[in-house]
Amino acid sequence: LPDCLLLARNWQEFADRIIQKLGIVLENDRREALAAFLGKRPV
């Protein structure tokens, strides 16, 4: 998470980097939901 955050330019990119690092597959709507979740809770 710390490295994903440091390299991201916005919440969506942060979420996408997390998903990529974990090697999981998420549909676009769930990717967007994860990004929205991250943006509402200070890291």
PDB file of all heavy atoms in Angstrom:
ATOM      1  N   LEU A   1       0.793  -1.229   0.000  1.00  0.00           N
ATOM      2  CA  LEU A   1       0.000   0.000   0.000  1.00  0.00           C
ATOM      3  C   LEU A   1       0.829   1.285   0.000  1.00  0.00           C
ATOM      4  O   LEU A   1       0.536   2.202  -0.779  1.00  0.00           O
ATOM      5  CB  LEU A   1      -0.977   0.004   1.184  1.00  0.00           C
ATOM      6  CG  LEU A   1      -2.453  -0.179   0.790  1.00  0.00           C
ATOM      7  CD1 LEU A   1      -2.639  -1.528   0.090  1.00  0.00           C
ATOM      8  CD2 LEU A   1      -3.356  -0.104   2.010  1.00  0.00           C
ATOM      9  N   PRO A   2       1.867   1.410   0.833  1.00  0.00           N
ATOM     10  CA  PRO A   2       2.634   2.668   0.814  1.00  0.00           C
ATOM     11  C   PRO A   2       3.249   2.979  -0.544  1.00  0.00           C
ATOM     12  O   PRO A   2       3.194   4.122  -1.012  1.00  0.00           O
ATOM     13  CB  PRO A   2       3.719   2.423   1.883  1.00  0.00           C
ATOM     14  CG  PRO A   2       3.101   1.431   2.819  1.00  0.00           C
ATOM     15  CD  PRO A   2       2.311   0.520   1.935  1.00  0.00           C
ATOM     16  N   ASP A   3       3.832   1.964  -1.205  1.00  0.00           N
ATOM     17  CA  ASP A   3       4.444   2.195  -2.513  1.00  0.00           C
ATOM     18  C   ASP A   3       3.388   2.490  -3.575  1.00  0.00           C
ATOM     19  O   ASP A   3       3.598   3.330  -4.459  1.00  0.00           O
ATOM     20  CB  ASP A   3       5.280   0.992  -2.940  1.00  0.00           C
ATOM     21  CG  ASP A   3       6.590   0.900  -2.174  1.00  0.00           C
ATOM     22  OD1 ASP A   3       7.016   1.921  -1.600  1.00  0.00           O
ATOM     23  OD2 ASP A   3       7.192  -0.188  -2.153  1.00  0.00           O
ATOM     24  N   CYS A   4       2.257   1.778  -3.509  1.00  0.00           N
ATOM     25  CA  CYS A   4       1.178   2.032  -4.466  1.00  0.00           C
ATOM     26  C   CYS A   4       0.696   3.473  -4.356  1.00  0.00           C
ATOM     27  O   CYS A   4       0.419   4.136  -5.359  1.00  0.00           O
ATOM     28  CB  CYS A   4       0.014   1.075  -4.213  1.00  0.00           C
ATOM     29  SG  CYS A   4       0.327  -0.637  -4.691  1.00  0.00           S
ATOM     30  N   LEU A   5       0.605   3.959  -3.138  1.00  0.00           N
ATOM     31  CA  LEU A   5       0.149   5.325  -2.910  1.00  0.00           C
ATOM     32  C   LEU A   5       1.162   6.334  -3.433  1.00  0.00           C
ATOM     33  O   LEU A   5       0.806   7.322  -4.089  1.00  0.00           O
ATOM     34  CB  LEU A   5      -0.090   5.554  -1.419  1.00  0.00           C
ATOM     35  CG  LEU A   5      -0.568   6.950  -1.007  1.00  0.00           C
ATOM     36  CD1 LEU A   5      -1.941   7.230  -1.604  1.00  0.00           C
ATOM     37  CD2 LEU A   5      -0.618   7.074   0.503  1.00  0.00           C
ATOM     38  N   LEU A   6       2.430   6.100  -3.161  1.00  0.00           N
ATOM     39  CA  LEU A   6       3.480   7.041  -3.549  1.00  0.00           C
ATOM     40  C   LEU A   6       3.563   7.207  -5.060  1.00  0.00           C
ATOM     41  O   LEU A   6       3.870   8.291  -5.567  1.00  0.00           O
ATOM     42  CB  LEU A   6       4.824   6.554  -2.995  1.00  0.00           C
ATOM     43  CG  LEU A   6       5.992   7.539  -3.056  1.00  0.00           C
ATOM     44  CD1 LEU A   6       5.690   8.770  -2.210  1.00  0.00           C
ATOM     45  CD2 LEU A   6       7.279   6.875  -2.576  1.00  0.00           C
ATOM     46  N   LEU A   7       3.262   6.144  -5.790  1.00  0.00           N
ATOM     47  CA  LEU A   7       3.400   6.170  -7.243  1.00  0.00           C
ATOM     48  C   LEU A   7       2.126   6.585  -7.968  1.00  0.00           C
ATOM     49  O   LEU A   7       2.143   6.824  -9.174  1.00  0.00           O
ATOM     50  CB  LEU A   7       3.835   4.779  -7.744  1.00  0.00           C
ATOM     51  CG  LEU A   7       5.218   4.303  -7.267  1.00  0.00           C
ATOM     52  CD1 LEU A   7       5.430   2.848  -7.667  1.00  0.00           C
ATOM     53  CD2 LEU A   7       6.312   5.183  -7.846  1.00  0.00           C
ATOM     54  N   ALA A   8       1.013   6.674  -7.240  1.00  0.00           N
ATOM     55  CA  ALA A   8      -0.267   6.990  -7.874  1.00  0.00           C
ATOM     56  C   ALA A   8      -0.465   8.486  -8.041  1.00  0.00           C
ATOM     57  O   ALA A   8       0.107   9.294  -7.307  1.00  0.00           O
ATOM     58  CB  ALA A   8      -1.403   6.396  -7.046  1.00  0.00           C
ATOM     59  N   ARG A   9      -1.323   8.850  -8.994  1.00  0.00           N
ATOM     60  CA  ARG A   9      -1.644  10.255  -9.240  1.00  0.00           C
ATOM     61  C   ARG A   9      -3.072  10.606  -8.829  1.00  0.00           C
ATOM     62  O   ARG A   9      -3.434  11.780  -8.799  1.00  0.00           O
ATOM     63  CB  ARG A   9      -1.440  10.582 -10.725  1.00  0.00           C
ATOM     64  CG  ARG A   9       0.013  10.558 -11.170  1.00  0.00           C
ATOM     65  CD  ARG A   9       0.132  10.618 -12.667  1.00  0.00           C
ATOM     66  NE  ARG A   9      -0.409   9.414 -13.297  1.00  0.00           N
ATOM     67  CZ  ARG A   9      -0.391   9.183 -14.615  1.00  0.00           C
ATOM     68  NH1 ARG A   9       0.114  10.088 -15.423  1.00  0.00           N
ATOM     69  NH2 ARG A   9      -0.897   8.062 -15.104  1.00  0.00           N
ATOM     70  N   ASN A  10      -3.873   9.611  -8.532  1.00  0.00           N
ATOM     71  CA  ASN A  10      -5.243   9.828  -8.088  1.00  0.00           C
ATOM     72  C   ASN A  10      -5.752   8.555  -7.435  1.00  0.00           C
ATOM     73  O   ASN A  10      -5.065   7.522  -7.429  1.00  0.00           O
ATOM     74  CB  ASN A  10      -6.146  10.251  -9.268  1.00  0.00           C
ATOM     75  CG  ASN A  10      -6.028   9.289 -10.444  1.00  0.00           C
ATOM     76  OD1 ASN A  10      -6.269   8.096 -10.308  1.00  0.00           O
ATOM     77  ND2 ASN A  10      -5.650   9.821 -11.601  1.00  0.00           N
ATOM     78  N   TRP A  11      -6.964   8.613  -6.875  1.00  0.00           N
ATOM     79  CA  TRP A  11      -7.493   7.459  -6.140  1.00  0.00           C
ATOM     80  C   TRP A  11      -7.731   6.264  -7.038  1.00  0.00           C
ATOM     81  O   TRP A  11      -7.533   5.114  -6.624  1.00  0.00           O
ATOM     82  CB  TRP A  11      -8.781   7.847  -5.419  1.00  0.00           C
ATOM     83  CG  TRP A  11      -8.557   8.830  -4.317  1.00  0.00           C
ATOM     84  CD1 TRP A  11      -8.985  10.124  -4.263  1.00  0.00           C
ATOM     85  CD2 TRP A  11      -7.818   8.606  -3.109  1.00  0.00           C
ATOM     86  NE1 TRP A  11      -8.555  10.724  -3.099  1.00  0.00           N
ATOM     87  CE2 TRP A  11      -7.847   9.809  -2.374  1.00  0.00           C
ATOM     88  CE3 TRP A  11      -7.138   7.508  -2.576  1.00  0.00           C
ATOM     89  CZ2 TRP A  11      -7.230   9.946  -1.135  1.00  0.00           C
ATOM     90  CZ3 TRP A  11      -6.517   7.637  -1.342  1.00  0.00           C
ATOM     91  CH2 TRP A  11      -6.561   8.843  -0.638  1.00  0.00           C
ATOM     92  N   GLN A  12      -8.161   6.503  -8.272  1.00  0.00           N
ATOM     93  CA  GLN A  12      -8.389   5.376  -9.170  1.00  0.00           C
ATOM     94  C   GLN A  12      -7.090   4.661  -9.502  1.00  0.00           C
ATOM     95  O   GLN A  12      -7.031   3.423  -9.542  1.00  0.00           O
ATOM     96  CB  GLN A  12      -9.058   5.854 -10.462  1.00  0.00           C
ATOM     97  CG  GLN A  12      -9.502   4.708 -11.374  1.00  0.00           C
ATOM     98  CD  GLN A  12     -10.519   3.800 -10.709  1.00  0.00           C
ATOM     99  OE1 GLN A  12     -11.620   4.246 -10.381  1.00  0.00           O
ATOM    100  NE2 GLN A  12     -10.172   2.538 -10.497  1.00  0.00           N
ATOM    101  N   GLU A  13      -6.041   5.435  -9.734  1.00  0.00           N
ATOM    102  CA  GLU A  13      -4.754   4.817 -10.027  1.00  0.00           C
ATOM    103  C   GLU A  13      -4.217   4.078  -8.796  1.00  0.00           C
ATOM    104  O   GLU A  13      -3.587   3.023  -8.920  1.00  0.00           O
ATOM    105  CB  GLU A  13      -3.756   5.881 -10.484  1.00  0.00           C
ATOM    106  CG  GLU A  13      -2.473   5.293 -11.047  1.00  0.00           C
ATOM    107  CD  GLU A  13      -1.614   6.333 -11.729  1.00  0.00           C
ATOM    108  OE1 GLU A  13      -2.159   7.117 -12.528  1.00  0.00           O
ATOM    109  OE2 GLU A  13      -0.402   6.362 -11.440  1.00  0.00           O
ATOM    110  N   PHE A  14      -4.466   4.618  -7.626  1.00  0.00           N
ATOM    111  CA  PHE A  14      -4.087   3.948  -6.384  1.00  0.00           C
ATOM    112  C   PHE A  14      -4.794   2.592  -6.285  1.00  0.00           C
ATOM    113  O   PHE A  14      -4.169   1.559  -6.014  1.00  0.00           O
ATOM    114  CB  PHE A  14      -4.453   4.839  -5.201  1.00  0.00           C
ATOM    115  CG  PHE A  14      -4.082   4.298  -3.843  1.00  0.00           C
ATOM    116  CD1 PHE A  14      -2.963   3.489  -3.658  1.00  0.00           C
ATOM    117  CD2 PHE A  14      -4.864   4.610  -2.736  1.00  0.00           C
ATOM    118  CE1 PHE A  14      -2.627   2.999  -2.395  1.00  0.00           C
ATOM    119  CE2 PHE A  14      -4.536   4.140  -1.478  1.00  0.00           C
ATOM    120  CZ  PHE A  14      -3.423   3.321  -1.303  1.00  0.00           C
ATOM    121  N   ALA A  15      -6.110   2.580  -6.533  1.00  0.00           N
ATOM    122  CA  ALA A  15      -6.875   1.338  -6.480  1.00  0.00           C
ATOM    123  C   ALA A  15      -6.369   0.342  -7.524  1.00  0.00           C
ATOM    124  O   ALA A  15      -6.206  -0.851  -7.240  1.00  0.00           O
ATOM    125  CB  ALA A  15      -8.358   1.629  -6.709  1.00  0.00           C
ATOM    126  N   ASP A  16      -6.100   0.823  -8.742  1.00  0.00           N
ATOM    127  CA  ASP A  16      -5.632  -0.067  -9.803  1.00  0.00           C
ATOM    128  C   ASP A  16      -4.282  -0.677  -9.478  1.00  0.00           C
ATOM    129  O   ASP A  16      -4.021  -1.854  -9.784  1.00  0.00           O
ATOM    130  CB  ASP A  16      -5.550   0.701 -11.128  1.00  0.00           C
ATOM    131  CG  ASP A  16      -6.922   1.062 -11.681  1.00  0.00           C
ATOM    132  OD1 ASP A  16      -7.915   0.468 -11.225  1.00  0.00           O
ATOM    133  OD2 ASP A  16      -6.991   1.947 -12.563  1.00  0.00           O
ATOM    134  N   ARG A  17      -3.411   0.104  -8.851  1.00  0.00           N
ATOM    135  CA  ARG A  17      -2.096  -0.426  -8.476  1.00  0.00           C
ATOM    136  C   ARG A  17      -2.215  -1.496  -7.384  1.00  0.00           C
ATOM    137  O   ARG A  17      -1.484  -2.488  -7.390  1.00  0.00           O
ATOM    138  CB  ARG A  17      -1.181   0.711  -8.010  1.00  0.00           C
ATOM    139  CG  ARG A  17      -0.685   1.605  -9.139  1.00  0.00           C
ATOM    140  CD  ARG A  17       0.231   2.707  -8.642  1.00  0.00           C
ATOM    141  NE  ARG A  17       0.699   3.535  -9.731  1.00  0.00           N
ATOM    142  CZ  ARG A  17       1.754   3.247 -10.507  1.00  0.00           C
ATOM    143  NH1 ARG A  17       2.441   2.133 -10.274  1.00  0.00           N
ATOM    144  NH2 ARG A  17       2.118   4.053 -11.472  1.00  0.00           N
ATOM    145  N   ILE A  18      -3.131  -1.287  -6.457  1.00  0.00           N
ATOM    146  CA  ILE A  18      -3.357  -2.291  -5.415  1.00  0.00           C
ATOM    147  C   ILE A  18      -3.825  -3.602  -6.039  1.00  0.00           C
ATOM    148  O   ILE A  18      -3.310  -4.687  -5.730  1.00  0.00           O
ATOM    149  CB  ILE A  18      -4.407  -1.788  -4.401  1.00  0.00           C
ATOM    150  CG1 ILE A  18      -3.858  -0.609  -3.608  1.00  0.00           C
ATOM    151  CG2 ILE A  18      -4.818  -2.919  -3.443  1.00  0.00           C
ATOM    152  CD1 ILE A  18      -4.903   0.069  -2.736  1.00  0.00           C
ATOM    153  N   ILE A  19      -4.799  -3.501  -6.940  1.00  0.00           N
ATOM    154  CA  ILE A  19      -5.347  -4.685  -7.598  1.00  0.00           C
ATOM    155  C   ILE A  19      -4.262  -5.421  -8.372  1.00  0.00           C
ATOM    156  O   ILE A  19      -4.162  -6.655  -8.341  1.00  0.00           O
ATOM    157  CB  ILE A  19      -6.502  -4.261  -8.536  1.00  0.00           C
ATOM    158  CG1 ILE A  19      -7.668  -3.721  -7.704  1.00  0.00           C
ATOM    159  CG2 ILE A  19      -6.947  -5.437  -9.401  1.00  0.00           C
ATOM    160  CD1 ILE A  19      -8.693  -2.974  -8.509  1.00  0.00           C
ATOM    161  N   GLN A  20      -3.437  -4.644  -9.076  1.00  0.00           N
ATOM    162  CA  GLN A  20      -2.362  -5.249  -9.858  1.00  0.00           C
ATOM    163  C   GLN A  20      -1.359  -5.964  -8.963  1.00  0.00           C
ATOM    164  O   GLN A  20      -0.925  -7.079  -9.264  1.00  0.00           O
ATOM    165  CB  GLN A  20      -1.660  -4.166 -10.681  1.00  0.00           C
ATOM    166  CG  GLN A  20      -0.539  -4.694 -11.572  1.00  0.00           C
ATOM    167  CD  GLN A  20       0.166  -3.580 -12.325  1.00  0.00           C
ATOM    168  OE1 GLN A  20       0.247  -2.447 -11.845  1.00  0.00           O
ATOM    169  NE2 GLN A  20       0.674  -3.882 -13.502  1.00  0.00           N
ATOM    170  N   LYS A  21      -0.978  -5.326  -7.854  1.00  0.00           N
ATOM    171  CA  LYS A  21      -0.004  -5.926  -6.950  1.00  0.00           C
ATOM    172  C   LYS A  21      -0.532  -7.212  -6.321  1.00  0.00           C
ATOM    173  O   LYS A  21       0.222  -8.162  -6.079  1.00  0.00           O
ATOM    174  CB  LYS A  21       0.375  -4.929  -5.856  1.00  0.00           C
ATOM    175  CG  LYS A  21       1.285  -3.808  -6.301  1.00  0.00           C
ATOM    176  CD  LYS A  21       2.683  -4.302  -6.587  1.00  0.00           C
ATOM    177  CE  LYS A  21       3.628  -3.143  -6.889  1.00  0.00           C
ATOM    178  NZ  LYS A  21       5.018  -3.616  -7.156  1.00  0.00           N
ATOM    179  N   LEU A  22      -1.826  -7.250  -6.047  1.00  0.00           N
ATOM    180  CA  LEU A  22      -2.414  -8.439  -5.426  1.00  0.00           C
ATOM    181  C   LEU A  22      -2.687  -9.538  -6.449  1.00  0.00           C
ATOM    182  O   LEU A  22      -2.946 -10.691  -6.071  1.00  0.00           O
ATOM    183  CB  LEU A  22      -3.715  -8.070  -4.719  1.00  0.00           C
ATOM    184  CG  LEU A  22      -3.597  -7.161  -3.497  1.00  0.00           C
ATOM    185  CD1 LEU A  22      -4.977  -6.880  -2.917  1.00  0.00           C
ATOM    186  CD2 LEU A  22      -2.690  -7.776  -2.429  1.00  0.00           C
ATOM    187  N   GLY A  23      -2.655  -9.179  -7.727  1.00  0.00           N
ATOM    188  CA  GLY A  23      -2.891 -10.177  -8.767  1.00  0.00           C
ATOM    189  C   GLY A  23      -4.328 -10.656  -8.819  1.00  0.00           C
ATOM    190  O   GLY A  23      -4.590 -11.824  -9.127  1.00  0.00           O
ATOM    191  N   ILE A  24      -5.269  -9.759  -8.512  1.00  0.00           N
ATOM    192  CA  ILE A  24      -6.676 -10.126  -8.546  1.00  0.00           C
ATOM    193  C   ILE A  24      -7.363  -9.423  -9.709  1.00  0.00           C
ATOM    194  O   ILE A  24      -6.830  -8.479 -10.292  1.00  0.00           O
ATOM    195  CB  ILE A  24      -7.398  -9.782  -7.225  1.00  0.00           C
ATOM    196  CG1 ILE A  24      -7.286  -8.275  -6.932  1.00  0.00           C
ATOM    197  CG2 ILE A  24      -6.828 -10.596  -6.079  1.00  0.00           C
ATOM    198  CD1 ILE A  24      -7.991  -7.851  -5.667  1.00  0.00           C
ATOM    199  N   VAL A  25      -8.550  -9.910 -10.049  1.00  0.00           N
ATOM    200  CA  VAL A  25      -9.303  -9.347 -11.167  1.00  0.00           C
ATOM    201  C   VAL A  25     -10.592  -8.725 -10.631  1.00  0.00           C
ATOM    202  O   VAL A  25     -11.335  -9.364  -9.884  1.00  0.00           O
ATOM    203  CB  VAL A  25      -9.651 -10.437 -12.210  1.00  0.00           C
ATOM    204  CG1 VAL A  25     -10.493  -9.841 -13.327  1.00  0.00           C
ATOM    205  CG2 VAL A  25      -8.382 -11.058 -12.763  1.00  0.00           C
ATOM    206  N   LEU A  26     -10.829  -7.471 -11.010  1.00  0.00           N
ATOM    207  CA  LEU A  26     -12.046  -6.776 -10.606  1.00  0.00           C
ATOM    208  C   LEU A  26     -12.678  -6.115 -11.819  1.00  0.00           C
ATOM    209  O   LEU A  26     -11.977  -5.550 -12.669  1.00  0.00           O
ATOM    210  CB  LEU A  26     -11.744  -5.696  -9.560  1.00  0.00           C
ATOM    211  CG  LEU A  26     -11.605  -6.098  -8.086  1.00  0.00           C
ATOM    212  CD1 LEU A  26     -11.378  -4.855  -7.242  1.00  0.00           C
ATOM    213  CD2 LEU A  26     -12.838  -6.841  -7.610  1.00  0.00           C
ATOM    214  N   GLU A  27     -13.992  -6.179 -11.917  1.00  0.00           N
ATOM    215  CA  GLU A  27     -14.702  -5.491 -12.980  1.00  0.00           C
ATOM    216  C   GLU A  27     -14.565  -3.976 -12.778  1.00  0.00           C
ATOM    217  O   GLU A  27     -14.253  -3.505 -11.689  1.00  0.00           O
ATOM    218  CB  GLU A  27     -16.189  -5.874 -12.970  1.00  0.00           C
ATOM    219  CG  GLU A  27     -16.448  -7.349 -13.219  1.00  0.00           C
ATOM    220  CD  GLU A  27     -16.352  -8.186 -11.950  1.00  0.00           C
ATOM    221  OE1 GLU A  27     -15.962  -7.625 -10.911  1.00  0.00           O
ATOM    222  OE2 GLU A  27     -16.672  -9.388 -12.008  1.00  0.00           O
ATOM    223  N   ASN A  28     -14.803  -3.221 -13.840  1.00  0.00           N
ATOM    224  CA  ASN A  28     -14.621  -1.773 -13.777  1.00  0.00           C
ATOM    225  C   ASN A  28     -15.449  -1.113 -12.687  1.00  0.00           C
ATOM    226  O   ASN A  28     -14.978  -0.187 -12.010  1.00  0.00           O
ATOM    227  CB  ASN A  28     -14.963  -1.145 -15.135  1.00  0.00           C
ATOM    228  CG  ASN A  28     -13.880  -1.382 -16.172  1.00  0.00           C
ATOM    229  OD1 ASN A  28     -12.734  -1.666 -15.819  1.00  0.00           O
ATOM    230  ND2 ASN A  28     -14.238  -1.278 -17.442  1.00  0.00           N
ATOM    231  N   ASP A  29     -16.685  -1.564 -12.510  1.00  0.00           N
ATOM    232  CA  ASP A  29     -17.519  -0.921 -11.505  1.00  0.00           C
ATOM    233  C   ASP A  29     -16.982  -1.151 -10.094  1.00  0.00           C
ATOM    234  O   ASP A  29     -17.066  -0.281  -9.226  1.00  0.00           O
ATOM    235  CB  ASP A  29     -18.965  -1.398 -11.608  1.00  0.00           C
ATOM    236  CG  ASP A  29     -19.115  -2.899 -11.426  1.00  0.00           C
ATOM    237  OD1 ASP A  29     -18.127  -3.630 -11.642  1.00  0.00           O
ATOM    238  OD2 ASP A  29     -20.224  -3.336 -11.059  1.00  0.00           O
ATOM    239  N   ARG A  30     -16.374  -2.316  -9.877  1.00  0.00           N
ATOM    240  CA  ARG A  30     -15.796  -2.596  -8.566  1.00  0.00           C
ATOM    241  C   ARG A  30     -14.467  -1.869  -8.374  1.00  0.00           C
ATOM    242  O   ARG A  30     -14.118  -1.486  -7.256  1.00  0.00           O
ATOM    243  CB  ARG A  30     -15.623  -4.101  -8.371  1.00  0.00           C
ATOM    244  CG  ARG A  30     -16.951  -4.824  -8.213  1.00  0.00           C
ATOM    245  CD  ARG A  30     -16.777  -6.270  -7.855  1.00  0.00           C
ATOM    246  NE  ARG A  30     -18.052  -6.881  -7.507  1.00  0.00           N
ATOM    247  CZ  ARG A  30     -18.182  -8.149  -7.124  1.00  0.00           C
ATOM    248  NH1 ARG A  30     -17.111  -8.931  -7.040  1.00  0.00           N
ATOM    249  NH2 ARG A  30     -19.366  -8.638  -6.815  1.00  0.00           N
ATOM    250  N   ARG A  31     -13.732  -1.689  -9.455  1.00  0.00           N
ATOM    251  CA  ARG A  31     -12.510  -0.871  -9.386  1.00  0.00           C
ATOM    252  C   ARG A  31     -12.870   0.560  -8.972  1.00  0.00           C
ATOM    253  O   ARG A  31     -12.210   1.159  -8.130  1.00  0.00           O
ATOM    254  CB  ARG A  31     -11.799  -0.849 -10.741  1.00  0.00           C
ATOM    255  CG  ARG A  31     -11.062  -2.132 -11.099  1.00  0.00           C
ATOM    256  CD  ARG A  31     -10.501  -2.044 -12.511  1.00  0.00           C
ATOM    257  NE  ARG A  31      -9.738  -3.219 -12.858  1.00  0.00           N
ATOM    258  CZ  ARG A  31      -8.419  -3.330 -12.729  1.00  0.00           C
ATOM    259  NH1 ARG A  31      -7.731  -2.297 -12.253  1.00  0.00           N
ATOM    260  NH2 ARG A  31      -7.783  -4.429 -13.067  1.00  0.00           N
ATOM    261  N   GLU A  32     -13.923   1.081  -9.575  1.00  0.00           N
ATOM    262  CA  GLU A  32     -14.367   2.426  -9.250  1.00  0.00           C
ATOM    263  C   GLU A  32     -14.883   2.504  -7.817  1.00  0.00           C
ATOM    264  O   GLU A  32     -14.674   3.508  -7.125  1.00  0.00           O
ATOM    265  CB  GLU A  32     -15.449   2.857 -10.238  1.00  0.00           C
ATOM    266  CG  GLU A  32     -14.932   3.042 -11.665  1.00  0.00           C
ATOM    267  CD  GLU A  32     -16.042   3.285 -12.660  1.00  0.00           C
ATOM    268  OE1 GLU A  32     -17.227   3.325 -12.239  1.00  0.00           O
ATOM    269  OE2 GLU A  32     -15.744   3.445 -13.867  1.00  0.00           O
ATOM    270  N   ALA A  33     -15.553   1.448  -7.377  1.00  0.00           N
ATOM    271  CA  ALA A  33     -16.058   1.417  -6.002  1.00  0.00           C
ATOM    272  C   ALA A  33     -14.914   1.399  -5.002  1.00  0.00           C
ATOM    273  O   ALA A  33     -14.977   2.062  -3.952  1.00  0.00           O
ATOM    274  CB  ALA A  33     -16.953   0.194  -5.799  1.00  0.00           C
ATOM    275  N   LEU A  34     -13.851   0.661  -5.317  1.00  0.00           N
ATOM    276  CA  LEU A  34     -12.690   0.620  -4.430  1.00  0.00           C
ATOM    277  C   LEU A  34     -12.018   1.982  -4.377  1.00  0.00           C
ATOM    278  O   LEU A  34     -11.624   2.451  -3.301  1.00  0.00           O
ATOM    279  CB  LEU A  34     -11.694  -0.445  -4.899  1.00  0.00           C
ATOM    280  CG  LEU A  34     -10.407  -0.579  -4.078  1.00  0.00           C
ATOM    281  CD1 LEU A  34     -10.724  -0.908  -2.623  1.00  0.00           C
ATOM    282  CD2 LEU A  34      -9.484  -1.640  -4.681  1.00  0.00           C
ATOM    283  N   ALA A  35     -11.893   2.645  -5.522  1.00  0.00           N
ATOM    284  CA  ALA A  35     -11.281   3.978  -5.558  1.00  0.00           C
ATOM    285  C   ALA A  35     -12.102   4.976  -4.744  1.00  0.00           C
ATOM    286  O   ALA A  35     -11.552   5.792  -4.000  1.00  0.00           O
ATOM    287  CB  ALA A  35     -11.148   4.447  -7.005  1.00  0.00           C
ATOM    288  N   ALA A  36     -13.421   4.921  -4.867  1.00  0.00           N
ATOM    289  CA  ALA A  36     -14.287   5.817  -4.105  1.00  0.00           C
ATOM    290  C   ALA A  36     -14.162   5.545  -2.610  1.00  0.00           C
ATOM    291  O   ALA A  36     -14.148   6.484  -1.798  1.00  0.00           O
ATOM    292  CB  ALA A  36     -15.740   5.637  -4.553  1.00  0.00           C
ATOM    293  N   PHE A  37     -14.052   4.288  -2.243  1.00  0.00           N
ATOM    294  CA  PHE A  37     -13.877   3.908  -0.841  1.00  0.00           C
ATOM    295  C   PHE A  37     -12.577   4.473  -0.281  1.00  0.00           C
ATOM    296  O   PHE A  37     -12.545   5.047   0.812  1.00  0.00           O
ATOM    297  CB  PHE A  37     -13.881   2.381  -0.729  1.00  0.00           C
ATOM    298  CG  PHE A  37     -13.487   1.850   0.610  1.00  0.00           C
ATOM    299  CD1 PHE A  37     -14.403   1.804   1.651  1.00  0.00           C
ATOM    300  CD2 PHE A  37     -12.194   1.393   0.835  1.00  0.00           C
ATOM    301  CE1 PHE A  37     -14.034   1.307   2.896  1.00  0.00           C
ATOM    302  CE2 PHE A  37     -11.819   0.908   2.078  1.00  0.00           C
ATOM    303  CZ  PHE A  37     -12.736   0.863   3.111  1.00  0.00           C
ATOM    304  N   LEU A  38     -11.513   4.342  -1.047  1.00  0.00           N
ATOM    305  CA  LEU A  38     -10.207   4.844  -0.603  1.00  0.00           C
ATOM    306  C   LEU A  38     -10.233   6.358  -0.437  1.00  0.00           C
ATOM    307  O   LEU A  38      -9.648   6.911   0.501  1.00  0.00           O
ATOM    308  CB  LEU A  38      -9.128   4.443  -1.613  1.00  0.00           C
ATOM    309  CG  LEU A  38      -8.820   2.948  -1.732  1.00  0.00           C
ATOM    310  CD1 LEU A  38      -7.949   2.677  -2.949  1.00  0.00           C
ATOM    311  CD2 LEU A  38      -8.139   2.434  -0.467  1.00  0.00           C
ATOM    312  N   GLY A  39     -10.909   7.053  -1.338  1.00  0.00           N
ATOM    313  CA  GLY A  39     -10.946   8.502  -1.296  1.00  0.00           C
ATOM    314  C   GLY A  39     -11.717   9.074  -0.122  1.00  0.00           C
ATOM    315  O   GLY A  39     -11.503  10.225   0.259  1.00  0.00           O
ATOM    316  N   LYS A  40     -12.607   8.275   0.444  1.00  0.00           N
ATOM    317  CA  LYS A  40     -13.418   8.751   1.567  1.00  0.00           C
ATOM    318  C   LYS A  40     -12.761   8.497   2.920  1.00  0.00           C
ATOM    319  O   LYS A  40     -13.216   9.015   3.940  1.00  0.00           O
ATOM    320  CB  LYS A  40     -14.791   8.073   1.544  1.00  0.00           C
ATOM    321  CG  LYS A  40     -15.660   8.494   0.368  1.00  0.00           C
ATOM    322  CD  LYS A  40     -16.977   7.737   0.377  1.00  0.00           C
ATOM    323  CE  LYS A  40     -17.844   8.127  -0.811  1.00  0.00           C
ATOM    324  NZ  LYS A  40     -19.107   7.342  -0.849  1.00  0.00           N
ATOM    325  N   ARG A  41     -11.698   7.696   2.933  1.00  0.00           N
ATOM    326  CA  ARG A  41     -11.060   7.338   4.196  1.00  0.00           C
ATOM    327  C   ARG A  41      -9.578   7.693   4.134  1.00  0.00           C
ATOM    328  O   ARG A  41      -8.843   7.076   3.363  1.00  0.00           O
ATOM    329  CB  ARG A  41     -11.226   5.850   4.479  1.00  0.00           C
ATOM    330  CG  ARG A  41     -12.654   5.505   4.855  1.00  0.00           C
ATOM    331  CD  ARG A  41     -12.966   4.039   4.635  1.00  0.00           C
ATOM    332  NE  ARG A  41     -14.338   3.760   5.032  1.00  0.00           N
ATOM    333  CZ  ARG A  41     -15.394   4.028   4.292  1.00  0.00           C
ATOM    334  NH1 ARG A  41     -15.243   4.611   3.126  1.00  0.00           N
ATOM    335  NH2 ARG A  41     -16.618   3.737   4.711  1.00  0.00           N
ATOM    336  N   PRO A  42      -9.139   8.680   4.897  1.00  0.00           N
ATOM    337  CA  PRO A  42      -7.735   9.098   4.845  1.00  0.00           C
ATOM    338  C   PRO A  42      -6.782   7.924   5.061  1.00  0.00           C
ATOM    339  O   PRO A  42      -6.996   7.098   5.943  1.00  0.00           O
ATOM    340  CB  PRO A  42      -7.630  10.108   5.995  1.00  0.00           C
ATOM    341  CG  PRO A  42      -9.017  10.628   6.170  1.00  0.00           C
ATOM    342  CD  PRO A  42      -9.922   9.471   5.867  1.00  0.00           C
ATOM    343  N   VAL A  43      -5.768   7.844   4.215  1.00  0.00           N
ATOM    344  CA  VAL A  43      -4.786   6.774   4.355  1.00  0.00           C
ATOM    345  C   VAL A  43      -3.653   7.194   5.277  1.00  0.00           C
ATOM    346  O   VAL A  43      -2.777   6.398   5.591  1.00  0.00           O
ATOM    347  CB  VAL A  43      -4.217   6.358   2.983  1.00  0.00           C
ATOM    348  CG1 VAL A  43      -5.284   5.705   2.142  1.00  0.00           C
ATOM    349  CG2 VAL A  43      -3.625   7.565   2.251  1.00  0.00           C
TER     350      VAL A  43
END
